[in-house]
PDB file of N, CA and C in Angstrom:
ATOM      1  N   UNK A   1      27.655 171.139 295.818  1.00  0.00           N
ATOM      2  CA  UNK A   1      26.732 170.739 296.561  1.00  0.00           C
ATOM      3  C   UNK A   1      26.533 172.367 297.514  1.00  0.00           C
ATOM      4  N   UNK A   2      25.353 172.647 297.302  1.00  0.00           N
ATOM      5  CA  UNK A   2      25.225 173.858 298.518  1.00  0.00           C
ATOM      6  C   UNK A   2      24.601 173.546 299.688  1.00  0.00           C
ATOM      7  N   UNK A   3      25.445 173.824 300.768  1.00  0.00           N
ATOM      8  CA  UNK A   3      25.322 173.482 302.567  1.00  0.00           C
ATOM      9  C   UNK A   3      24.082 173.909 302.566  1.00  0.00           C
ATOM     10  N   UNK A   4      23.553 172.686 303.380  1.00  0.00           N
ATOM     11  CA  UNK A   4      22.281 172.632 304.232  1.00  0.00           C
ATOM     12  C   UNK A   4      22.243 173.198 305.298  1.00  0.00           C
ATOM     13  N   UNK A   5      21.604 174.014 306.245  1.00  0.00           N
ATOM     14  CA  UNK A   5      21.274 173.906 307.526  1.00  0.00           C
ATOM     15  C   UNK A   5      19.928 173.735 308.109  1.00  0.00           C
ATOM     16  N   UNK A   6      19.760 173.785 309.580  1.00  0.00           N
ATOM     17  CA  UNK A   6      18.733 173.211 310.021  1.00  0.00           C
ATOM     18  C   UNK A   6      17.790 174.367 310.437  1.00  0.00           C
ATOM     19  N   UNK A   7      17.072 174.866 309.608  1.00  0.00           N
ATOM     20  CA  UNK A   7      16.625 176.687 309.320  1.00  0.00           C
ATOM     21  C   UNK A   7      15.596 176.387 310.492  1.00  0.00           C
ATOM     22  N   UNK A   8      14.947 175.297 310.685  1.00  0.00           N
ATOM     23  CA  UNK A   8      13.941 175.237 311.896  1.00  0.00           C
ATOM     24  C   UNK A   8      14.433 175.651 312.918  1.00  0.00           C
ATOM     25  N   UNK A   9      15.717 174.811 313.511  1.00  0.00           N
ATOM     26  CA  UNK A   9      16.355 175.037 314.653  1.00  0.00           C
ATOM     27  C   UNK A   9      16.829 176.566 314.524  1.00  0.00           C
ATOM     28  N   UNK A  10      17.564 177.042 313.801  1.00  0.00           N
ATOM     29  CA  UNK A  10      17.699 178.358 313.628  1.00  0.00           C
ATOM     30  C   UNK A  10      16.173 179.443 314.207  1.00  0.00           C
ATOM     31  N   UNK A  11      15.217 179.183 313.468  1.00  0.00           N
ATOM     32  CA  UNK A  11      14.153 180.010 313.587  1.00  0.00           C
ATOM     33  C   UNK A  11      13.738 179.624 315.057  1.00  0.00           C
ATOM     34  N   UNK A  12      13.687 178.792 315.466  1.00  0.00           N
ATOM     35  CA  UNK A  12      13.502 178.606 317.038  1.00  0.00           C
ATOM     36  C   UNK A  12      14.258 179.167 318.276  1.00  0.00           C
ATOM     37  N   UNK A  13      15.491 179.248 317.696  1.00  0.00           N
ATOM     38  CA  UNK A  13      16.384 180.086 318.787  1.00  0.00           C
ATOM     39  C   UNK A  13      16.028 181.498 318.395  1.00  0.00           C
ATOM     40  N   UNK A  14      15.951 181.959 317.374  1.00  0.00           N
ATOM     41  CA  UNK A  14      15.505 183.203 317.287  1.00  0.00           C
ATOM     42  C   UNK A  14      14.331 183.966 317.882  1.00  0.00           C
ATOM     43  N   UNK A  15      13.572 182.961 317.865  1.00  0.00           N
ATOM     44  CA  UNK A  15      12.135 182.872 318.270  1.00  0.00           C
ATOM     45  C   UNK A  15      12.240 183.225 319.723  1.00  0.00           C
ATOM     46  N   UNK A  16      13.136 182.410 320.690  1.00  0.00           N
ATOM     47  CA  UNK A  16      13.664 181.827 321.776  1.00  0.00           C
ATOM     48  C   UNK A  16      13.772 183.664 322.457  1.00  0.00           C
ATOM     49  N   UNK A  17      14.540 183.961 321.447  1.00  0.00           N
ATOM     50  CA  UNK A  17      15.518 185.280 322.187  1.00  0.00           C
ATOM     51  C   UNK A  17      14.726 186.643 321.710  1.00  0.00           C
ATOM     52  N   UNK A  18      14.057 186.582 320.458  1.00  0.00           N
ATOM     53  CA  UNK A  18      13.529 187.952 320.163  1.00  0.00           C
ATOM     54  C   UNK A  18      12.013 187.848 320.215  1.00  0.00           C
ATOM     55  N   UNK A  19      11.282 186.720 320.682  1.00  0.00           N
ATOM     56  CA  UNK A  19      10.116 186.752 320.717  1.00  0.00           C
ATOM     57  C   UNK A  19       9.271 186.310 319.294  1.00  0.00           C
ATOM     58  N   UNK A  20       9.381 186.481 318.297  1.00  0.00           N
ATOM     59  CA  UNK A  20       8.909 186.685 317.043  1.00  0.00           C
ATOM     60  C   UNK A  20       9.798 186.166 315.676  1.00  0.00           C
ATOM     61  N   UNK A  21       9.957 185.231 315.651  1.00  0.00           N
ATOM     62  CA  UNK A  21      10.891 184.898 314.184  1.00  0.00           C
ATOM     63  C   UNK A  21       9.965 183.963 313.259  1.00  0.00           C
ATOM     64  N   UNK A  22       9.957 184.079 311.970  1.00  0.00           N
ATOM     65  CA  UNK A  22       9.656 182.964 310.571  1.00  0.00           C
ATOM     66  C   UNK A  22      10.174 183.220 309.653  1.00  0.00           C
ATOM     67  N   UNK A  23      10.066 181.983 308.860  1.00  0.00           N
ATOM     68  CA  UNK A  23      10.707 181.863 307.733  1.00  0.00           C
ATOM     69  C   UNK A  23      10.016 182.449 306.519  1.00  0.00           C
ATOM     70  N   UNK A  24      10.091 183.554 306.078  1.00  0.00           N
ATOM     71  CA  UNK A  24       9.195 183.823 305.059  1.00  0.00           C
ATOM     72  C   UNK A  24       9.140 183.304 303.595  1.00  0.00           C
ATOM     73  N   UNK A  25      10.505 182.865 303.434  1.00  0.00           N
ATOM     74  CA  UNK A  25      10.448 182.666 301.792  1.00  0.00           C
ATOM     75  C   UNK A  25      12.178 181.705 301.657  1.00  0.00           C
ATOM     76  N   UNK A  26      12.615 180.775 300.728  1.00  0.00           N
ATOM     77  CA  UNK A  26      13.744 180.498 300.569  1.00  0.00           C
ATOM     78  C   UNK A  26      13.760 180.310 299.083  1.00  0.00           C
ATOM     79  N   UNK A  27      14.933 180.935 298.273  1.00  0.00           N
ATOM     80  CA  UNK A  27      15.009 180.868 296.863  1.00  0.00           C
ATOM     81  C   UNK A  27      16.713 180.326 296.849  1.00  0.00           C
ATOM     82  N   UNK A  28      16.705 179.477 295.848  1.00  0.00           N
ATOM     83  CA  UNK A  28      18.111 179.376 295.174  1.00  0.00           C
ATOM     84  C   UNK A  28      18.637 179.859 294.244  1.00  0.00           C
ATOM     85  N   UNK A  29      19.254 180.580 294.579  1.00  0.00           N
ATOM     86  CA  UNK A  29      20.118 181.630 293.329  1.00  0.00           C
ATOM     87  C   UNK A  29      21.757 181.284 292.862  1.00  0.00           C
ATOM     88  N   UNK A  30      21.676 180.564 291.917  1.00  0.00           N
ATOM     89  CA  UNK A  30      22.658 180.103 291.511  1.00  0.00           C
ATOM     90  C   UNK A  30      23.821 179.063 292.465  1.00  0.00           C
ATOM     91  N   UNK A  31      24.943 179.917 293.416  1.00  0.00           N
ATOM     92  CA  UNK A  31      25.491 178.920 293.812  1.00  0.00           C
ATOM     93  C   UNK A  31      25.382 179.383 295.380  1.00  0.00           C
ATOM     94  N   UNK A  32      24.131 179.772 295.560  1.00  0.00           N
ATOM     95  CA  UNK A  32      23.886 180.244 296.890  1.00  0.00           C
ATOM     96  C   UNK A  32      22.225 179.982 297.078  1.00  0.00           C
ATOM     97  N   UNK A  33      22.006 180.142 298.388  1.00  0.00           N
ATOM     98  CA  UNK A  33      20.843 179.874 298.987  1.00  0.00           C
ATOM     99  C   UNK A  33      20.064 180.857 299.960  1.00  0.00           C
ATOM    100  N   UNK A  34      19.302 181.760 299.304  1.00  0.00           N
ATOM    101  CA  UNK A  34      18.566 182.768 300.112  1.00  0.00           C
ATOM    102  C   UNK A  34      17.484 182.626 301.097  1.00  0.00           C
ATOM    103  N   UNK A  35      17.680 182.590 302.405  1.00  0.00           N
ATOM    104  CA  UNK A  35      16.560 182.764 303.281  1.00  0.00           C
ATOM    105  C   UNK A  35      15.684 184.066 303.551  1.00  0.00           C
ATOM    106  N   UNK A  36      14.837 184.484 303.459  1.00  0.00           N
ATOM    107  CA  UNK A  36      14.176 185.581 303.873  1.00  0.00           C
ATOM    108  C   UNK A  36      13.249 185.493 305.496  1.00  0.00           C
ATOM    109  N   UNK A  37      13.962 185.962 306.283  1.00  0.00           N
ATOM    110  CA  UNK A  37      13.434 185.670 307.553  1.00  0.00           C
ATOM    111  C   UNK A  37      13.056 187.171 307.969  1.00  0.00           C
ATOM    112  N   UNK A  38      11.982 187.065 308.811  1.00  0.00           N
ATOM    113  CA  UNK A  38      11.292 188.241 309.362  1.00  0.00           C
ATOM    114  C   UNK A  38      11.162 187.715 311.109  1.00  0.00           C
ATOM    115  N   UNK A  39      12.260 188.678 311.898  1.00  0.00           N
ATOM    116  CA  UNK A  39      12.694 188.360 313.328  1.00  0.00           C
ATOM    117  C   UNK A  39      12.002 189.871 313.904  1.00  0.00           C
ATOM    118  N   UNK A  40      10.968 189.644 314.460  1.00  0.00           N
ATOM    119  CA  UNK A  40      10.186 190.878 315.337  1.00  0.00           C
ATOM    120  C   UNK A  40       9.755 192.510 314.307  1.00  0.00           C
ATOM    121  N   UNK A  41       9.442 191.644 313.379  1.00  0.00           N
ATOM    122  CA  UNK A  41       9.070 193.000 312.202  1.00  0.00           C
ATOM    123  C   UNK A  41       9.941 193.462 311.478  1.00  0.00           C
ATOM    124  N   UNK A  42      11.679 192.908 311.663  1.00  0.00           N
ATOM    125  CA  UNK A  42      12.426 193.435 310.893  1.00  0.00           C
ATOM    126  C   UNK A  42      12.956 192.232 309.741  1.00  0.00           C
ATOM    127  N   UNK A  43      13.086 192.558 308.420  1.00  0.00           N
ATOM    128  CA  UNK A  43      13.349 191.739 307.735  1.00  0.00           C
ATOM    129  C   UNK A  43      14.787 191.166 307.242  1.00  0.00           C
ATOM    130  N   UNK A  44      15.642 190.307 306.960  1.00  0.00           N
ATOM    131  CA  UNK A  44      16.997 189.976 306.854  1.00  0.00           C
ATOM    132  C   UNK A  44      16.703 189.017 305.803  1.00  0.00           C
ATOM    133  N   UNK A  45      17.715 189.257 305.128  1.00  0.00           N
ATOM    134  CA  UNK A  45      18.178 188.171 304.037  1.00  0.00           C
ATOM    135  C   UNK A  45      19.374 187.312 304.409  1.00  0.00           C
ATOM    136  N   UNK A  46      19.577 186.354 304.531  1.00  0.00           N
ATOM    137  CA  UNK A  46      20.871 185.520 304.554  1.00  0.00           C
ATOM    138  C   UNK A  46      21.182 184.578 303.569  1.00  0.00           C
ATOM    139  N   UNK A  47      22.114 185.207 302.885  1.00  0.00           N
ATOM    140  CA  UNK A  47      23.074 184.383 301.681  1.00  0.00           C
ATOM    141  C   UNK A  47      23.842 183.252 302.225  1.00  0.00           C
ATOM    142  N   UNK A  48      23.646 182.178 302.131  1.00  0.00           N
ATOM    143  CA  UNK A  48      24.544 181.229 302.527  1.00  0.00           C
ATOM    144  C   UNK A  48      25.231 180.400 301.231  1.00  0.00           C
ATOM    145  N   UNK A  49      26.235 181.175 300.726  1.00  0.00           N
ATOM    146  CA  UNK A  49      27.015 180.465 299.729  1.00  0.00           C
ATOM    147  C   UNK A  49      27.721 178.800 299.925  1.00  0.00           C
ATOM    148  N   UNK A  50      28.033 178.334 298.548  1.00  0.00           N
ATOM    149  CA  UNK A  50      28.547 176.852 298.324  1.00  0.00           C
ATOM    150  C   UNK A  50      29.808 176.869 299.210  1.00  0.00           C
ATOM    151  N   UNK A  51      30.640 177.908 299.169  1.00  0.00           N
ATOM    152  CA  UNK A  51      31.815 177.444 300.400  1.00  0.00           C
ATOM    153  C   UNK A  51      31.770 177.865 301.508  1.00  0.00           C
ATOM    154  N   UNK A  52      30.161 177.982 302.146  1.00  0.00           N
ATOM    155  CA  UNK A  52      29.871 177.729 303.590  1.00  0.00           C
ATOM    156  C   UNK A  52      29.929 179.649 304.065  1.00  0.00           C
ATOM    157  N   UNK A  53      30.322 179.902 303.326  1.00  0.00           N
ATOM    158  CA  UNK A  53      29.671 182.100 303.774  1.00  0.00           C
ATOM    159  C   UNK A  53      28.783 182.038 304.032  1.00  0.00           C
ATOM    160  N   UNK A  54      28.526 182.782 304.946  1.00  0.00           N
ATOM    161  CA  UNK A  54      27.308 183.555 305.407  1.00  0.00           C
ATOM    162  C   UNK A  54      27.262 185.062 305.331  1.00  0.00           C
ATOM    163  N   UNK A  55      26.509 185.368 304.675  1.00  0.00           N
ATOM    164  CA  UNK A  55      26.138 186.875 304.458  1.00  0.00           C
ATOM    165  C   UNK A  55      24.764 187.674 304.904  1.00  0.00           C
ATOM    166  N   UNK A  56      24.629 188.199 305.873  1.00  0.00           N
ATOM    167  CA  UNK A  56      23.129 188.731 306.279  1.00  0.00           C
ATOM    168  C   UNK A  56      23.120 189.880 305.777  1.00  0.00           C
ATOM    169  N   UNK A  57      21.433 190.422 305.348  1.00  0.00           N
ATOM    170  CA  UNK A  57      21.498 191.933 304.856  1.00  0.00           C
ATOM    171  C   UNK A  57      20.553 192.223 305.565  1.00  0.00           C
ATOM    172  N   UNK A  58      20.798 192.814 306.693  1.00  0.00           N
ATOM    173  CA  UNK A  58      19.563 193.497 307.598  1.00  0.00           C
ATOM    174  C   UNK A  58      20.092 194.977 307.696  1.00  0.00           C
ATOM    175  N   UNK A  59      18.986 195.594 308.566  1.00  0.00           N
ATOM    176  CA  UNK A  59      18.886 197.115 309.026  1.00  0.00           C
ATOM    177  C   UNK A  59      19.739 197.157 310.546  1.00  0.00           C
ATOM    178  N   UNK A  60      19.843 196.114 311.136  1.00  0.00           N
ATOM    179  CA  UNK A  60      19.538 195.878 312.452  1.00  0.00           C
ATOM    180  C   UNK A  60      21.086 195.247 312.464  1.00  0.00           C
ATOM    181  N   UNK A  61      22.168 196.311 312.976  1.00  0.00           N
ATOM    182  CA  UNK A  61      23.723 195.656 313.325  1.00  0.00           C
ATOM    183  C   UNK A  61      23.504 194.476 314.299  1.00  0.00           C
ATOM    184  N   UNK A  62      23.191 194.734 315.475  1.00  0.00           N
ATOM    185  CA  UNK A  62      23.035 193.486 316.524  1.00  0.00           C
ATOM    186  C   UNK A  62      22.083 192.048 316.352  1.00  0.00           C
ATOM    187  N   UNK A  63      21.070 192.554 315.148  1.00  0.00           N
ATOM    188  CA  UNK A  63      20.472 191.150 314.549  1.00  0.00           C
ATOM    189  C   UNK A  63      20.896 190.801 313.849  1.00  0.00           C
ATOM    190  N   UNK A  64      21.535 191.532 313.100  1.00  0.00           N
ATOM    191  CA  UNK A  64      22.368 190.861 311.662  1.00  0.00           C
ATOM    192  C   UNK A  64      23.761 189.770 312.240  1.00  0.00           C
ATOM    193  N   UNK A  65      24.490 190.681 313.250  1.00  0.00           N
ATOM    194  CA  UNK A  65      25.092 189.697 313.986  1.00  0.00           C
ATOM    195  C   UNK A  65      24.935 188.049 314.534  1.00  0.00           C
ATOM    196  N   UNK A  66      23.784 188.425 315.115  1.00  0.00           N
ATOM    197  CA  UNK A  66      23.040 187.548 316.182  1.00  0.00           C
ATOM    198  C   UNK A  66      22.699 186.321 315.018  1.00  0.00           C
ATOM    199  N   UNK A  67      21.893 186.849 313.719  1.00  0.00           N
ATOM    200  CA  UNK A  67      21.367 185.702 312.614  1.00  0.00           C
ATOM    201  C   UNK A  67      23.043 185.053 312.349  1.00  0.00           C
ATOM    202  N   UNK A  68      23.351 185.710 311.780  1.00  0.00           N
ATOM    203  CA  UNK A  68      24.720 185.283 311.202  1.00  0.00           C
ATOM    204  C   UNK A  68      25.646 184.026 312.296  1.00  0.00           C
ATOM    205  N   UNK A  69      25.837 184.559 313.704  1.00  0.00           N
ATOM    206  CA  UNK A  69      26.397 183.446 314.665  1.00  0.00           C
ATOM    207  C   UNK A  69      25.578 182.330 314.190  1.00  0.00           C
ATOM    208  N   UNK A  70      23.928 182.329 314.376  1.00  0.00           N
ATOM    209  CA  UNK A  70      23.124 181.056 314.119  1.00  0.00           C
ATOM    210  C   UNK A  70      23.297 180.252 312.966  1.00  0.00           C
ATOM    211  N   UNK A  71      23.383 180.660 311.673  1.00  0.00           N
ATOM    212  CA  UNK A  71      23.795 180.545 310.305  1.00  0.00           C
ATOM    213  C   UNK A  71      25.612 179.622 310.552  1.00  0.00           C
ATOM    214  N   UNK A  72      26.214 180.209 310.955  1.00  0.00           N
ATOM    215  CA  UNK A  72      27.310 179.443 311.127  1.00  0.00           C
ATOM    216  C   UNK A  72      27.935 178.479 312.401  1.00  0.00           C
ATOM    217  N   UNK A  73      27.049 178.262 312.938  1.00  0.00           N
ATOM    218  CA  UNK A  73      27.025 177.299 313.835  1.00  0.00           C
ATOM    219  C   UNK A  73      27.352 175.869 313.395  1.00  0.00           C
ATOM    220  N   UNK A  74      28.250 175.284 313.834  1.00  0.00           N
ATOM    221  CA  UNK A  74      28.644 174.022 313.362  1.00  0.00           C
ATOM    222  C   UNK A  74      27.215 172.958 313.674  1.00  0.00           C
ATOM    223  N   UNK A  75      26.796 173.147 314.881  1.00  0.00           N
ATOM    224  CA  UNK A  75      25.613 171.901 315.270  1.00  0.00           C
ATOM    225  C   UNK A  75      24.549 172.257 314.445  1.00  0.00           C
ATOM    226  N   UNK A  76      24.331 173.363 313.733  1.00  0.00           N
ATOM    227  CA  UNK A  76      23.115 173.456 313.021  1.00  0.00           C
ATOM    228  C   UNK A  76      23.293 173.475 311.437  1.00  0.00           C
ATOM    229  N   UNK A  77      24.687 172.948 311.042  1.00  0.00           N
ATOM    230  CA  UNK A  77      25.003 172.670 309.814  1.00  0.00           C
ATOM    231  C   UNK A  77      24.963 171.098 309.376  1.00  0.00           C
ATOM    232  N   UNK A  78      24.017 170.264 308.396  1.00  0.00           N
ATOM    233  CA  UNK A  78      24.172 168.893 307.728  1.00  0.00           C
ATOM    234  C   UNK A  78      25.388 168.512 307.568  1.00  0.00           C
ATOM    235  N   UNK A  79      26.036 169.635 306.158  1.00  0.00           N
ATOM    236  CA  UNK A  79      27.238 169.256 305.471  1.00  0.00           C
ATOM    237  C   UNK A  79      27.640 170.534 305.143  1.00  0.00           C
ATOM    238  N   UNK A  80      28.914 170.684 304.987  1.00  0.00           N
ATOM    239  CA  UNK A  80      29.795 171.850 304.880  1.00  0.00           C
ATOM    240  C   UNK A  80      30.287 171.713 303.182  1.00  0.00           C
TER     241      UNK A  80
END
């Protein structure tokens, strides 16, 4: 079972912090879910693996860490 996260809650928190954020696309690739997110004009790919590991590909390091922290938050995980 692939872990499910509350993406709407994560996007809302990023929107409050950075002013603009939206979920562009979601894709399931084998054992991972890929979220394509646009935050203030910066595109980020968030990979959530079956074991709960989160990997973020983003050109801005601070934004990458912020997104990772939101996705790893236990409050926003439905199941691991």
